[in-house]
Amino acid sequence: MHTNEVTIHDIAEILGINSSTVSRALNNSPRVAQKTKDKILKKANELGYQRNDLASNLRKSKTFTLGVIVPRISRHFFSSAIAGIEEAAFKEGYNVIICQSLESLEREQSIINTLVANRVDGVLISISMETENYKHFKGLEQRNIPFVFFDRHCNISKTSKVVIDDFEAAYRATEHLIQQKSTEIAHFSGPQNLEIYKNRFKGYKAALENYKIPFREELVIASSLMEDDGAKNIKKILSLPFQVDGLFCANDVVAIGAIQYLKKIGIKIPEDIAIVGFSNETTSSVIDPALTTIHQSGFKIGQIATNLLLDKISNDDKKQIHETIIVKTNLIERKSSLRIEKHE
């Protein structure tokens, strides 16, 4: 065997192990046991193996680059997810291109085209509020570029995603308001083309039904969930002939907007209206009163989604398995909803 012809596959064949394990070991991946790494490196040196990253990347069409698309980097959840993505990717020798759609379908489609042109090895996606057409994701499939959805996802077959149980989390948030003696509970939802907001609405409605509280369609308002939507939506709710005493919001940003407006007009929180948000933004703990919210770990979701994508990339010659991984959430109780003190 000539020195310049030694490949990763040669080393794998001689040692009787998977070529992807050899590749990871030569890239010093922590996913390979040290004993196995030592054995692989020893054999590579014996055979005179020389890394040729450029030739290797061209041959395999690999750039060791991942694309990431998020709606807004400024949101705490997405910045945390990006931190988790970058940490997991870096451990495996991958770089990351971070893009934001700014809630625009057109921009999201353009980003996909740019990432394909830059020959990324895979894409991590949290879709925009406008995304109802999924053709651009089919384009990734046709080019054999693996992708994984995280948080916001589309309901299309043969895809993998890392999500939370939005139904269960919303049910728990609404149940908490009921336990705090709220009987007329409004809901500020997001666009119903997105699965996460559909499921949060369903969880809210199911909690009302389970506790025999009437569901009123007028008390559900869908919007883009920005801070100014909080003020606009709460004005509409207060104009209705119902004594609303609870509010569950599909994100913290719109909840904070509602709190600020209610304080301005002299409505007491939680005495008059108890409020629960969703996603535990950094501002949620410092606003007065501090916002009760559902915490979802963006960092953990980002890490898990990246590892799932990297597994797809390394197994590109095998049958792809499509997975849905559900990450746990928890309700953080703060002053915006607590009317009843807990007793040990």
C-alpha atoms as a PDB file:
ATOM      1  CA  MET A   1       0.000   0.000   0.000  1.00  0.00           C
ATOM      2  CA  HIS A   2       1.465   3.376  -1.015  1.00  0.00           C
ATOM      3  CA  THR A   3       1.575   6.047   1.685  1.00  0.00           C
ATOM      4  CA  ASN A   4      -0.328   8.638  -0.337  1.00  0.00           C
ATOM      5  CA  GLU A   5      -3.161   6.180  -0.937  1.00  0.00           C
ATOM      6  CA  VAL A   6      -3.972   5.465   2.718  1.00  0.00           C
ATOM      7  CA  THR A   7      -7.551   6.529   3.508  1.00  0.00           C
ATOM      8  CA  ILE A   8      -9.862   6.533   6.505  1.00  0.00           C
ATOM      9  CA  HIS A   9     -11.627   3.541   4.968  1.00  0.00           C
ATOM     10  CA  ASP A  10      -8.313   1.622   4.832  1.00  0.00           C
ATOM     11  CA  ILE A  11      -7.707   2.233   8.537  1.00  0.00           C
ATOM     12  CA  ALA A  12     -11.299   1.245   9.357  1.00  0.00           C
ATOM     13  CA  GLU A  13     -11.044  -1.976   7.343  1.00  0.00           C
ATOM     14  CA  ILE A  14      -7.749  -3.010   8.969  1.00  0.00           C
ATOM     15  CA  LEU A  15      -9.068  -2.350  12.482  1.00  0.00           C
ATOM     16  CA  GLY A  16     -12.509  -3.785  11.752  1.00  0.00           C
ATOM     17  CA  ILE A  17     -14.402  -0.694  12.883  1.00  0.00           C
ATOM     18  CA  ASN A  18     -16.748   1.841  11.311  1.00  0.00           C
ATOM     19  CA  SER A  19     -15.141   4.488   9.080  1.00  0.00           C
ATOM     20  CA  SER A  20     -17.200   7.234  10.778  1.00  0.00           C
ATOM     21  CA  THR A  21     -15.595   6.241  14.105  1.00  0.00           C
ATOM     22  CA  VAL A  22     -12.143   6.557  12.503  1.00  0.00           C
ATOM     23  CA  SER A  23     -13.087   9.982  11.118  1.00  0.00           C
ATOM     24  CA  ARG A  24     -14.296  11.170  14.528  1.00  0.00           C
ATOM     25  CA  ALA A  25     -11.156   9.870  16.246  1.00  0.00           C
ATOM     26  CA  LEU A  26      -8.887  11.664  13.770  1.00  0.00           C
ATOM     27  CA  ASN A  27     -10.901  14.853  14.450  1.00  0.00           C
ATOM     28  CA  ASN A  28     -10.406  14.308  18.207  1.00  0.00           C
ATOM     29  CA  SER A  29     -14.139  13.981  18.848  1.00  0.00           C
ATOM     30  CA  PRO A  30     -15.159  13.429  22.500  1.00  0.00           C
ATOM     31  CA  ARG A  31     -17.740  10.921  21.251  1.00  0.00           C
ATOM     32  CA  VAL A  32     -14.942   8.351  20.725  1.00  0.00           C
ATOM     33  CA  ALA A  33     -13.428   6.622  23.773  1.00  0.00           C
ATOM     34  CA  GLN A  34      -9.787   7.519  24.440  1.00  0.00           C
ATOM     35  CA  LYS A  35      -8.693   3.871  24.177  1.00  0.00           C
ATOM     36  CA  THR A  36     -10.257   3.614  20.695  1.00  0.00           C
ATOM     37  CA  LYS A  37      -8.723   6.960  19.673  1.00  0.00           C
ATOM     38  CA  ASP A  38      -5.258   5.778  20.703  1.00  0.00           C
ATOM     39  CA  LYS A  39      -5.628   2.556  18.720  1.00  0.00           C
ATOM     40  CA  ILE A  40      -6.800   4.437  15.606  1.00  0.00           C
ATOM     41  CA  LEU A  41      -4.075   7.103  15.824  1.00  0.00           C
ATOM     42  CA  LYS A  42      -1.407   4.441  16.299  1.00  0.00           C
ATOM     43  CA  LYS A  43      -2.552   2.528  13.204  1.00  0.00           C
ATOM     44  CA  ALA A  44      -2.869   5.775  11.177  1.00  0.00           C
ATOM     45  CA  ASN A  45       0.731   6.660  12.037  1.00  0.00           C
ATOM     46  CA  GLU A  46       1.939   3.143  11.214  1.00  0.00           C
ATOM     47  CA  LEU A  47       0.328   3.330   7.785  1.00  0.00           C
ATOM     48  CA  GLY A  48       1.638   6.854   7.167  1.00  0.00           C
ATOM     49  CA  TYR A  49      -1.860   8.335   6.910  1.00  0.00           C
ATOM     50  CA  GLN A  50      -1.805  12.035   6.011  1.00  0.00           C
ATOM     51  CA  ARG A  51      -4.872  14.254   6.435  1.00  0.00           C
ATOM     52  CA  ASN A  52      -5.879  16.109   3.314  1.00  0.00           C
ATOM     53  CA  ASP A  53      -8.851  18.165   4.427  1.00  0.00           C
ATOM     54  CA  LEU A  54      -9.431  19.896   1.098  1.00  0.00           C
ATOM     55  CA  ALA A  55      -9.373  16.700  -0.959  1.00  0.00           C
ATOM     56  CA  SER A  56     -11.411  14.883   1.657  1.00  0.00           C
ATOM     57  CA  ASN A  57     -14.037  17.592   1.810  1.00  0.00           C
ATOM     58  CA  LEU A  58     -14.332  17.808  -1.966  1.00  0.00           C
ATOM     59  CA  ARG A  59     -14.560  14.046  -2.338  1.00  0.00           C
ATOM     60  CA  LYS A  60     -17.242  13.741   0.309  1.00  0.00           C
ATOM     61  CA  SER A  61     -18.830  17.092  -0.585  1.00  0.00           C
ATOM     62  CA  LYS A  62     -18.347  18.057   3.054  1.00  0.00           C
ATOM     63  CA  THR A  63     -17.557  21.546   4.279  1.00  0.00           C
ATOM     64  CA  PHE A  64     -17.912  20.811   8.008  1.00  0.00           C
ATOM     65  CA  THR A  65     -20.339  23.720   8.148  1.00  0.00           C
ATOM     66  CA  LEU A  66     -23.911  23.778   9.464  1.00  0.00           C
ATOM     67  CA  GLY A  67     -26.574  26.354   8.642  1.00  0.00           C
ATOM     68  CA  VAL A  68     -28.886  27.646  11.378  1.00  0.00           C
ATOM     69  CA  ILE A  69     -32.103  29.574  10.712  1.00  0.00           C
ATOM     70  CA  VAL A  70     -33.950  31.270  13.572  1.00  0.00           C
ATOM     71  CA  PRO A  71     -36.743  33.862  13.520  1.00  0.00           C
ATOM     72  CA  ARG A  72     -34.975  36.408  15.750  1.00  0.00           C
ATOM     73  CA  ILE A  73     -31.542  36.223  17.370  1.00  0.00           C
ATOM     74  CA  SER A  74     -32.625  38.911  19.865  1.00  0.00           C
ATOM     75  CA  ARG A  75     -35.033  36.515  21.615  1.00  0.00           C
ATOM     76  CA  HIS A  76     -33.446  34.886  24.672  1.00  0.00           C
ATOM     77  CA  PHE A  77     -34.700  31.413  23.712  1.00  0.00           C
ATOM     78  CA  PHE A  78     -33.073  31.556  20.274  1.00  0.00           C
ATOM     79  CA  SER A  79     -29.803  33.092  21.466  1.00  0.00           C
ATOM     80  CA  SER A  80     -29.620  30.292  24.071  1.00  0.00           C
ATOM     81  CA  ALA A  81     -30.379  27.693  21.390  1.00  0.00           C
ATOM     82  CA  ILE A  82     -27.584  29.118  19.204  1.00  0.00           C
ATOM     83  CA  ALA A  83     -25.158  28.831  22.137  1.00  0.00           C
ATOM     84  CA  GLY A  84     -26.102  25.155  22.511  1.00  0.00           C
ATOM     85  CA  ILE A  85     -25.800  24.582  18.761  1.00  0.00           C
ATOM     86  CA  GLU A  86     -22.355  26.179  18.547  1.00  0.00           C
ATOM     87  CA  GLU A  87     -21.026  24.229  21.526  1.00  0.00           C
ATOM     88  CA  ALA A  88     -22.214  20.870  20.150  1.00  0.00           C
ATOM     89  CA  ALA A  89     -20.994  21.684  16.616  1.00  0.00           C
ATOM     90  CA  PHE A  90     -17.553  22.886  17.747  1.00  0.00           C
ATOM     91  CA  LYS A  91     -16.962  19.643  19.670  1.00  0.00           C
ATOM     92  CA  GLU A  92     -17.371  17.763  16.400  1.00  0.00           C
ATOM     93  CA  GLY A  93     -15.187  20.094  14.324  1.00  0.00           C
ATOM     94  CA  TYR A  94     -18.057  21.968  12.648  1.00  0.00           C
ATOM     95  CA  ASN A  95     -18.497  25.673  12.014  1.00  0.00           C
ATOM     96  CA  VAL A  96     -21.904  27.347  12.074  1.00  0.00           C
ATOM     97  CA  ILE A  97     -23.524  29.940   9.785  1.00  0.00           C
ATOM     98  CA  ILE A  98     -26.270  31.739  11.740  1.00  0.00           C
ATOM     99  CA  CYS A  99     -29.138  33.403   9.858  1.00  0.00           C
ATOM    100  CA  GLN A 100     -32.376  35.047  10.984  1.00  0.00           C
ATOM    101  CA  SER A 101     -35.583  35.094   8.959  1.00  0.00           C
ATOM    102  CA  LEU A 102     -37.085  38.046  10.905  1.00  0.00           C
ATOM    103  CA  GLU A 103     -40.413  36.186  10.614  1.00  0.00           C
ATOM    104  CA  SER A 104     -40.366  36.459   6.788  1.00  0.00           C
ATOM    105  CA  LEU A 105     -41.104  33.455   4.551  1.00  0.00           C
ATOM    106  CA  GLU A 106     -39.396  35.152   1.590  1.00  0.00           C
ATOM    107  CA  ARG A 107     -36.265  35.758   3.638  1.00  0.00           C
ATOM    108  CA  GLU A 108     -36.329  32.181   4.941  1.00  0.00           C
ATOM    109  CA  GLN A 109     -36.511  30.834   1.371  1.00  0.00           C
ATOM    110  CA  SER A 110     -33.619  33.083   0.324  1.00  0.00           C
ATOM    111  CA  ILE A 111     -31.526  31.896   3.281  1.00  0.00           C
ATOM    112  CA  ILE A 112     -32.087  28.251   2.302  1.00  0.00           C
ATOM    113  CA  ASN A 113     -30.842  29.029  -1.228  1.00  0.00           C
ATOM    114  CA  THR A 114     -27.767  30.789   0.172  1.00  0.00           C
ATOM    115  CA  LEU A 115     -26.939  27.912   2.524  1.00  0.00           C
ATOM    116  CA  VAL A 116     -27.280  25.402  -0.329  1.00  0.00           C
ATOM    117  CA  ALA A 117     -24.968  27.552  -2.490  1.00  0.00           C
ATOM    118  CA  ASN A 118     -22.452  27.568   0.376  1.00  0.00           C
ATOM    119  CA  ARG A 119     -22.582  23.741   0.457  1.00  0.00           C
ATOM    120  CA  VAL A 120     -23.511  23.365   4.118  1.00  0.00           C
ATOM    121  CA  ASP A 121     -23.597  19.772   5.354  1.00  0.00           C
ATOM    122  CA  GLY A 122     -26.908  20.207   7.180  1.00  0.00           C
ATOM    123  CA  VAL A 123     -29.406  22.784   8.411  1.00  0.00           C
ATOM    124  CA  LEU A 124     -31.103  23.457  11.757  1.00  0.00           C
ATOM    125  CA  ILE A 125     -34.398  25.306  11.338  1.00  0.00           C
ATOM    126  CA  SER A 126     -36.933  27.127  13.492  1.00  0.00           C
ATOM    127  CA  ILE A 127     -39.496  28.429  11.028  1.00  0.00           C
ATOM    128  CA  SER A 128     -40.899  31.953  10.622  1.00  0.00           C
ATOM    129  CA  MET A 129     -44.435  33.025  11.524  1.00  0.00           C
ATOM    130  CA  GLU A 130     -45.227  33.397   7.806  1.00  0.00           C
ATOM    131  CA  THR A 131     -44.139  29.887   6.840  1.00  0.00           C
ATOM    132  CA  GLU A 132     -47.077  27.971   5.367  1.00  0.00           C
ATOM    133  CA  ASN A 133     -45.370  26.889   2.127  1.00  0.00           C
ATOM    134  CA  TYR A 134     -42.797  24.126   2.710  1.00  0.00           C
ATOM    135  CA  LYS A 135     -41.367  23.740  -0.812  1.00  0.00           C
ATOM    136  CA  HIS A 136     -37.969  25.165   0.169  1.00  0.00           C
ATOM    137  CA  PHE A 137     -37.547  22.344   2.708  1.00  0.00           C
ATOM    138  CA  LYS A 138     -38.368  19.795   0.006  1.00  0.00           C
ATOM    139  CA  GLY A 139     -35.504  21.354  -1.973  1.00  0.00           C
ATOM    140  CA  LEU A 140     -33.110  20.395   0.834  1.00  0.00           C
ATOM    141  CA  GLU A 141     -34.448  16.827   0.705  1.00  0.00           C
ATOM    142  CA  GLN A 142     -33.939  16.633  -3.058  1.00  0.00           C
ATOM    143  CA  ARG A 143     -30.299  17.714  -2.652  1.00  0.00           C
ATOM    144  CA  ASN A 144     -29.782  15.158   0.148  1.00  0.00           C
ATOM    145  CA  ILE A 145     -28.984  17.891   2.664  1.00  0.00           C
ATOM    146  CA  PRO A 146     -30.202  16.666   6.069  1.00  0.00           C
ATOM    147  CA  PHE A 147     -32.130  19.092   8.270  1.00  0.00           C
ATOM    148  CA  VAL A 148     -33.673  19.106  11.729  1.00  0.00           C
ATOM    149  CA  PHE A 149     -36.415  21.389  13.044  1.00  0.00           C
ATOM    150  CA  PHE A 150     -36.225  22.738  16.573  1.00  0.00           C
ATOM    151  CA  ASP A 151     -38.941  24.537  18.560  1.00  0.00           C
ATOM    152  CA  ARG A 152     -41.026  25.861  15.635  1.00  0.00           C
ATOM    153  CA  HIS A 153     -41.560  23.073  13.147  1.00  0.00           C
ATOM    154  CA  CYS A 154     -43.814  22.123  10.258  1.00  0.00           C
ATOM    155  CA  ASN A 155     -46.082  19.149  10.244  1.00  0.00           C
ATOM    156  CA  ILE A 156     -44.526  17.366   7.246  1.00  0.00           C
ATOM    157  CA  SER A 157     -43.605  13.697   7.024  1.00  0.00           C
ATOM    158  CA  LYS A 158     -40.093  12.236   7.114  1.00  0.00           C
ATOM    159  CA  THR A 159     -38.516  15.007   9.179  1.00  0.00           C
ATOM    160  CA  SER A 160     -36.802  15.054  12.558  1.00  0.00           C
ATOM    161  CA  LYS A 161     -37.505  17.624  15.226  1.00  0.00           C
ATOM    162  CA  VAL A 162     -36.578  18.602  18.773  1.00  0.00           C
ATOM    163  CA  VAL A 163     -39.516  20.216  20.538  1.00  0.00           C
ATOM    164  CA  ILE A 164     -41.313  20.609  23.831  1.00  0.00           C
ATOM    165  CA  ASP A 165     -44.801  19.336  24.643  1.00  0.00           C
ATOM    166  CA  ASP A 166     -46.563  22.634  23.951  1.00  0.00           C
ATOM    167  CA  PHE A 167     -49.994  21.177  24.719  1.00  0.00           C
ATOM    168  CA  GLU A 168     -48.950  19.916  28.153  1.00  0.00           C
ATOM    169  CA  ALA A 169     -47.064  23.128  29.024  1.00  0.00           C
ATOM    170  CA  ALA A 170     -50.038  25.323  28.049  1.00  0.00           C
ATOM    171  CA  TYR A 171     -52.417  23.061  29.967  1.00  0.00           C
ATOM    172  CA  ARG A 172     -50.215  23.418  33.068  1.00  0.00           C
ATOM    173  CA  ALA A 173     -50.019  27.220  32.676  1.00  0.00           C
ATOM    174  CA  THR A 174     -53.813  27.524  32.374  1.00  0.00           C
ATOM    175  CA  GLU A 175     -54.382  25.073  35.224  1.00  0.00           C
ATOM    176  CA  HIS A 176     -52.145  27.237  37.414  1.00  0.00           C
ATOM    177  CA  LEU A 177     -54.364  30.266  36.703  1.00  0.00           C
ATOM    178  CA  ILE A 178     -57.441  28.209  37.583  1.00  0.00           C
ATOM    179  CA  GLN A 179     -55.790  27.132  40.847  1.00  0.00           C
ATOM    180  CA  GLN A 180     -55.224  30.836  41.572  1.00  0.00           C
ATOM    181  CA  LYS A 181     -59.027  31.295  41.356  1.00  0.00           C
ATOM    182  CA  SER A 182     -59.236  32.715  37.822  1.00  0.00           C
ATOM    183  CA  THR A 183     -62.559  31.865  36.161  1.00  0.00           C
ATOM    184  CA  GLU A 184     -62.548  34.078  33.029  1.00  0.00           C
ATOM    185  CA  ILE A 185     -59.210  33.363  31.340  1.00  0.00           C
ATOM    186  CA  ALA A 186     -58.125  35.031  28.102  1.00  0.00           C
ATOM    187  CA  HIS A 187     -55.441  33.676  25.775  1.00  0.00           C
ATOM    188  CA  PHE A 188     -53.056  35.662  23.565  1.00  0.00           C
ATOM    189  CA  SER A 189     -52.023  33.202  20.865  1.00  0.00           C
ATOM    190  CA  GLY A 190     -49.688  33.285  17.865  1.00  0.00           C
ATOM    191  CA  PRO A 191     -50.376  32.509  14.183  1.00  0.00           C
ATOM    192  CA  GLN A 192     -52.323  29.252  13.935  1.00  0.00           C
ATOM    193  CA  ASN A 193     -50.301  28.032  10.940  1.00  0.00           C
ATOM    194  CA  LEU A 194     -47.525  27.251  13.448  1.00  0.00           C
ATOM    195  CA  GLU A 195     -47.831  23.951  15.305  1.00  0.00           C
ATOM    196  CA  ILE A 196     -46.473  25.366  18.574  1.00  0.00           C
ATOM    197  CA  TYR A 197     -49.225  27.994  18.835  1.00  0.00           C
ATOM    198  CA  LYS A 198     -51.908  25.567  17.715  1.00  0.00           C
ATOM    199  CA  ASN A 199     -50.872  23.180  20.471  1.00  0.00           C
ATOM    200  CA  ARG A 200     -50.616  25.918  23.120  1.00  0.00           C
ATOM    201  CA  PHE A 201     -54.159  26.987  22.229  1.00  0.00           C
ATOM    202  CA  LYS A 202     -55.346  23.375  22.453  1.00  0.00           C
ATOM    203  CA  GLY A 203     -53.715  22.963  25.874  1.00  0.00           C
ATOM    204  CA  TYR A 204     -55.384  26.152  27.141  1.00  0.00           C
ATOM    205  CA  LYS A 205     -58.783  25.048  25.853  1.00  0.00           C
ATOM    206  CA  ALA A 206     -58.414  21.523  27.281  1.00  0.00           C
ATOM    207  CA  ALA A 207     -57.650  22.893  30.763  1.00  0.00           C
ATOM    208  CA  LEU A 208     -60.774  25.073  30.679  1.00  0.00           C
ATOM    209  CA  GLU A 209     -62.907  22.131  29.578  1.00  0.00           C
ATOM    210  CA  ASN A 210     -61.420  19.815  32.195  1.00  0.00           C
ATOM    211  CA  TYR A 211     -62.203  22.296  34.983  1.00  0.00           C
ATOM    212  CA  LYS A 212     -65.701  23.013  33.594  1.00  0.00           C
ATOM    213  CA  ILE A 213     -64.871  26.639  32.788  1.00  0.00           C
ATOM    214  CA  PRO A 214     -66.694  27.993  29.708  1.00  0.00           C
ATOM    215  CA  PHE A 215     -64.517  28.508  26.631  1.00  0.00           C
ATOM    216  CA  ARG A 216     -65.200  31.879  25.023  1.00  0.00           C
ATOM    217  CA  GLU A 217     -63.882  32.416  21.515  1.00  0.00           C
ATOM    218  CA  GLU A 218     -63.889  36.194  22.053  1.00  0.00           C
ATOM    219  CA  LEU A 219     -61.212  35.801  24.745  1.00  0.00           C
ATOM    220  CA  VAL A 220     -58.689  34.284  22.305  1.00  0.00           C
ATOM    221  CA  ILE A 221     -56.687  36.781  20.237  1.00  0.00           C
ATOM    222  CA  ALA A 222     -54.004  35.714  17.738  1.00  0.00           C
ATOM    223  CA  SER A 223     -51.238  38.160  16.840  1.00  0.00           C
ATOM    224  CA  SER A 224     -47.524  38.326  16.023  1.00  0.00           C
ATOM    225  CA  LEU A 225     -46.850  38.350  19.800  1.00  0.00           C
ATOM    226  CA  MET A 226     -44.789  41.543  19.874  1.00  0.00           C
ATOM    227  CA  GLU A 227     -44.771  43.829  22.917  1.00  0.00           C
ATOM    228  CA  ASP A 228     -47.168  46.382  21.392  1.00  0.00           C
ATOM    229  CA  ASP A 229     -49.586  43.516  20.640  1.00  0.00           C
ATOM    230  CA  GLY A 230     -49.856  43.026  24.404  1.00  0.00           C
ATOM    231  CA  ALA A 231     -51.319  46.512  24.887  1.00  0.00           C
ATOM    232  CA  LYS A 232     -53.567  46.282  21.787  1.00  0.00           C
ATOM    233  CA  ASN A 233     -54.898  42.853  22.742  1.00  0.00           C
ATOM    234  CA  ILE A 234     -55.605  43.684  26.384  1.00  0.00           C
ATOM    235  CA  LYS A 235     -57.547  46.808  25.319  1.00  0.00           C
ATOM    236  CA  LYS A 236     -59.799  44.552  23.206  1.00  0.00           C
ATOM    237  CA  ILE A 237     -60.261  42.119  26.091  1.00  0.00           C
ATOM    238  CA  LEU A 238     -61.186  44.891  28.549  1.00  0.00           C
ATOM    239  CA  SER A 239     -63.829  46.221  26.126  1.00  0.00           C
ATOM    240  CA  LEU A 240     -65.710  42.901  26.199  1.00  0.00           C
ATOM    241  CA  PRO A 241     -68.657  42.224  28.542  1.00  0.00           C
ATOM    242  CA  PHE A 242     -66.667  39.699  30.612  1.00  0.00           C
ATOM    243  CA  GLN A 243     -64.811  40.210  33.886  1.00  0.00           C
ATOM    244  CA  VAL A 244     -61.496  38.719  32.738  1.00  0.00           C
ATOM    245  CA  ASP A 245     -59.363  37.755  35.755  1.00  0.00           C
ATOM    246  CA  GLY A 246     -56.701  35.557  34.131  1.00  0.00           C
ATOM    247  CA  LEU A 247     -54.476  35.744  31.049  1.00  0.00           C
ATOM    248  CA  PHE A 248     -52.291  33.054  29.480  1.00  0.00           C
ATOM    249  CA  CYS A 249     -49.907  34.372  26.813  1.00  0.00           C
ATOM    250  CA  ALA A 250     -48.136  32.226  24.198  1.00  0.00           C
ATOM    251  CA  ASN A 251     -44.903  34.134  24.806  1.00  0.00           C
ATOM    252  CA  ASP A 252     -43.404  36.431  27.442  1.00  0.00           C
ATOM    253  CA  VAL A 253     -42.999  39.432  25.149  1.00  0.00           C
ATOM    254  CA  VAL A 254     -46.737  39.919  24.601  1.00  0.00           C
ATOM    255  CA  ALA A 255     -47.384  39.216  28.303  1.00  0.00           C
ATOM    256  CA  ILE A 256     -44.958  41.978  29.313  1.00  0.00           C
ATOM    257  CA  GLY A 257     -46.705  44.387  26.929  1.00  0.00           C
ATOM    258  CA  ALA A 258     -50.031  43.547  28.596  1.00  0.00           C
ATOM    259  CA  ILE A 259     -48.582  44.006  32.111  1.00  0.00           C
ATOM    260  CA  GLN A 260     -47.190  47.436  31.244  1.00  0.00           C
ATOM    261  CA  TYR A 261     -50.528  48.632  29.851  1.00  0.00           C
ATOM    262  CA  LEU A 262     -52.566  47.257  32.773  1.00  0.00           C
ATOM    263  CA  LYS A 263     -50.284  48.977  35.293  1.00  0.00           C
ATOM    264  CA  LYS A 264     -50.633  52.237  33.365  1.00  0.00           C
ATOM    265  CA  ILE A 265     -54.442  52.189  33.698  1.00  0.00           C
ATOM    266  CA  GLY A 266     -54.403  51.113  37.340  1.00  0.00           C
ATOM    267  CA  ILE A 267     -55.412  47.452  37.064  1.00  0.00           C
ATOM    268  CA  LYS A 268     -53.670  45.374  39.725  1.00  0.00           C
ATOM    269  CA  ILE A 269     -51.670  42.248  38.868  1.00  0.00           C
ATOM    270  CA  PRO A 270     -52.346  39.549  40.052  1.00  0.00           C
ATOM    271  CA  GLU A 271     -55.244  40.778  42.250  1.00  0.00           C
ATOM    272  CA  ASP A 272     -57.427  41.863  39.301  1.00  0.00           C
ATOM    273  CA  ILE A 273     -55.818  39.856  36.482  1.00  0.00           C
ATOM    274  CA  ALA A 274     -53.329  37.015  37.036  1.00  0.00           C
ATOM    275  CA  ILE A 275     -50.907  36.545  34.126  1.00  0.00           C
ATOM    276  CA  VAL A 276     -48.738  33.665  32.857  1.00  0.00           C
ATOM    277  CA  GLY A 277     -46.304  33.884  29.931  1.00  0.00           C
ATOM    278  CA  PHE A 278     -44.240  31.356  28.002  1.00  0.00           C
ATOM    279  CA  SER A 279     -40.467  30.885  27.364  1.00  0.00           C
ATOM    280  CA  ASN A 280     -38.846  32.643  30.356  1.00  0.00           C
ATOM    281  CA  GLU A 281     -37.211  35.627  28.656  1.00  0.00           C
ATOM    282  CA  THR A 282     -34.488  37.414  30.643  1.00  0.00           C
ATOM    283  CA  THR A 283     -36.801  40.402  31.232  1.00  0.00           C
ATOM    284  CA  SER A 284     -39.492  38.188  32.785  1.00  0.00           C
ATOM    285  CA  SER A 285     -37.806  38.011  36.184  1.00  0.00           C
ATOM    286  CA  VAL A 286     -37.062  41.756  36.424  1.00  0.00           C
ATOM    287  CA  ILE A 287     -40.393  43.259  35.349  1.00  0.00           C
ATOM    288  CA  ASP A 288     -42.706  44.313  38.200  1.00  0.00           C
ATOM    289  CA  PRO A 289     -44.491  42.118  39.043  1.00  0.00           C
ATOM    290  CA  ALA A 290     -42.141  39.325  37.958  1.00  0.00           C
ATOM    291  CA  LEU A 291     -43.790  37.136  35.317  1.00  0.00           C
ATOM    292  CA  THR A 292     -44.885  33.562  35.943  1.00  0.00           C
ATOM    293  CA  THR A 293     -43.829  31.622  32.856  1.00  0.00           C
ATOM    294  CA  ILE A 294     -43.032  28.284  31.236  1.00  0.00           C
ATOM    295  CA  HIS A 295     -39.287  27.665  31.085  1.00  0.00           C
ATOM    296  CA  GLN A 296     -37.903  25.795  28.073  1.00  0.00           C
ATOM    297  CA  SER A 297     -34.152  25.259  27.826  1.00  0.00           C
ATOM    298  CA  GLY A 298     -33.054  26.743  24.506  1.00  0.00           C
ATOM    299  CA  PHE A 299     -29.457  25.664  25.171  1.00  0.00           C
ATOM    300  CA  LYS A 300     -30.439  22.022  25.692  1.00  0.00           C
ATOM    301  CA  ILE A 301     -32.776  22.007  22.680  1.00  0.00           C
ATOM    302  CA  GLY A 302     -29.975  23.469  20.521  1.00  0.00           C
ATOM    303  CA  GLN A 303     -27.475  20.846  21.688  1.00  0.00           C
ATOM    304  CA  ILE A 304     -29.841  17.920  21.137  1.00  0.00           C
ATOM    305  CA  ALA A 305     -30.911  19.170  17.687  1.00  0.00           C
ATOM    306  CA  THR A 306     -27.270  19.564  16.620  1.00  0.00           C
ATOM    307  CA  ASN A 307     -26.264  16.085  17.766  1.00  0.00           C
ATOM    308  CA  LEU A 308     -29.285  14.654  15.950  1.00  0.00           C
ATOM    309  CA  LEU A 309     -28.285  16.501  12.757  1.00  0.00           C
ATOM    310  CA  LEU A 310     -24.640  15.368  13.033  1.00  0.00           C
ATOM    311  CA  ASP A 311     -25.807  11.762  13.373  1.00  0.00           C
ATOM    312  CA  LYS A 312     -27.800  12.190  10.159  1.00  0.00           C
ATOM    313  CA  ILE A 313     -24.750  13.631   8.382  1.00  0.00           C
ATOM    314  CA  SER A 314     -22.443  10.804   9.501  1.00  0.00           C
ATOM    315  CA  ASN A 315     -25.048   8.169   8.539  1.00  0.00           C
ATOM    316  CA  ASP A 316     -25.783   9.584   5.087  1.00  0.00           C
ATOM    317  CA  ASP A 317     -25.053   6.247   3.424  1.00  0.00           C
ATOM    318  CA  LYS A 318     -27.551   4.430   5.631  1.00  0.00           C
ATOM    319  CA  LYS A 319     -31.320   4.506   5.933  1.00  0.00           C
ATOM    320  CA  GLN A 320     -32.298   7.739   7.689  1.00  0.00           C
ATOM    321  CA  ILE A 321     -34.368   7.417  10.862  1.00  0.00           C
ATOM    322  CA  HIS A 322     -36.704  10.330  11.549  1.00  0.00           C
ATOM    323  CA  GLU A 323     -37.083  11.202  15.203  1.00  0.00           C
ATOM    324  CA  THR A 324     -39.125  13.500  17.399  1.00  0.00           C
ATOM    325  CA  ILE A 325     -37.352  14.322  20.650  1.00  0.00           C
ATOM    326  CA  ILE A 326     -39.399  16.031  23.365  1.00  0.00           C
ATOM    327  CA  VAL A 327     -37.557  18.159  25.939  1.00  0.00           C
ATOM    328  CA  LYS A 328     -39.180  18.775  29.330  1.00  0.00           C
ATOM    329  CA  THR A 329     -40.403  22.186  30.499  1.00  0.00           C
ATOM    330  CA  ASN A 330     -41.269  23.567  33.911  1.00  0.00           C
ATOM    331  CA  LEU A 331     -43.575  26.255  35.264  1.00  0.00           C
ATOM    332  CA  ILE A 332     -41.762  29.053  37.112  1.00  0.00           C
ATOM    333  CA  GLU A 333     -44.188  30.665  39.559  1.00  0.00           C
ATOM    334  CA  ARG A 334     -43.663  34.393  40.172  1.00  0.00           C
ATOM    335  CA  LYS A 335     -45.711  37.324  41.483  1.00  0.00           C
ATOM    336  CA  SER A 336     -47.735  38.036  38.310  1.00  0.00           C
ATOM    337  CA  SER A 337     -50.036  35.086  39.015  1.00  0.00           C
ATOM    338  CA  LEU A 338     -49.710  34.203  42.704  1.00  0.00           C
ATOM    339  CA  ARG A 339     -52.833  35.115  44.642  1.00  0.00           C
ATOM    340  CA  ILE A 340     -52.720  32.113  46.959  1.00  0.00           C
ATOM    341  CA  GLU A 341     -49.690  31.460  49.126  1.00  0.00           C
ATOM    342  CA  LYS A 342     -48.343  27.919  49.251  1.00  0.00           C
ATOM    343  CA  HIS A 343     -48.226  26.279  52.668  1.00  0.00           C
ATOM    344  CA  GLU A 344     -45.750  23.525  53.498  1.00  0.00           C
END
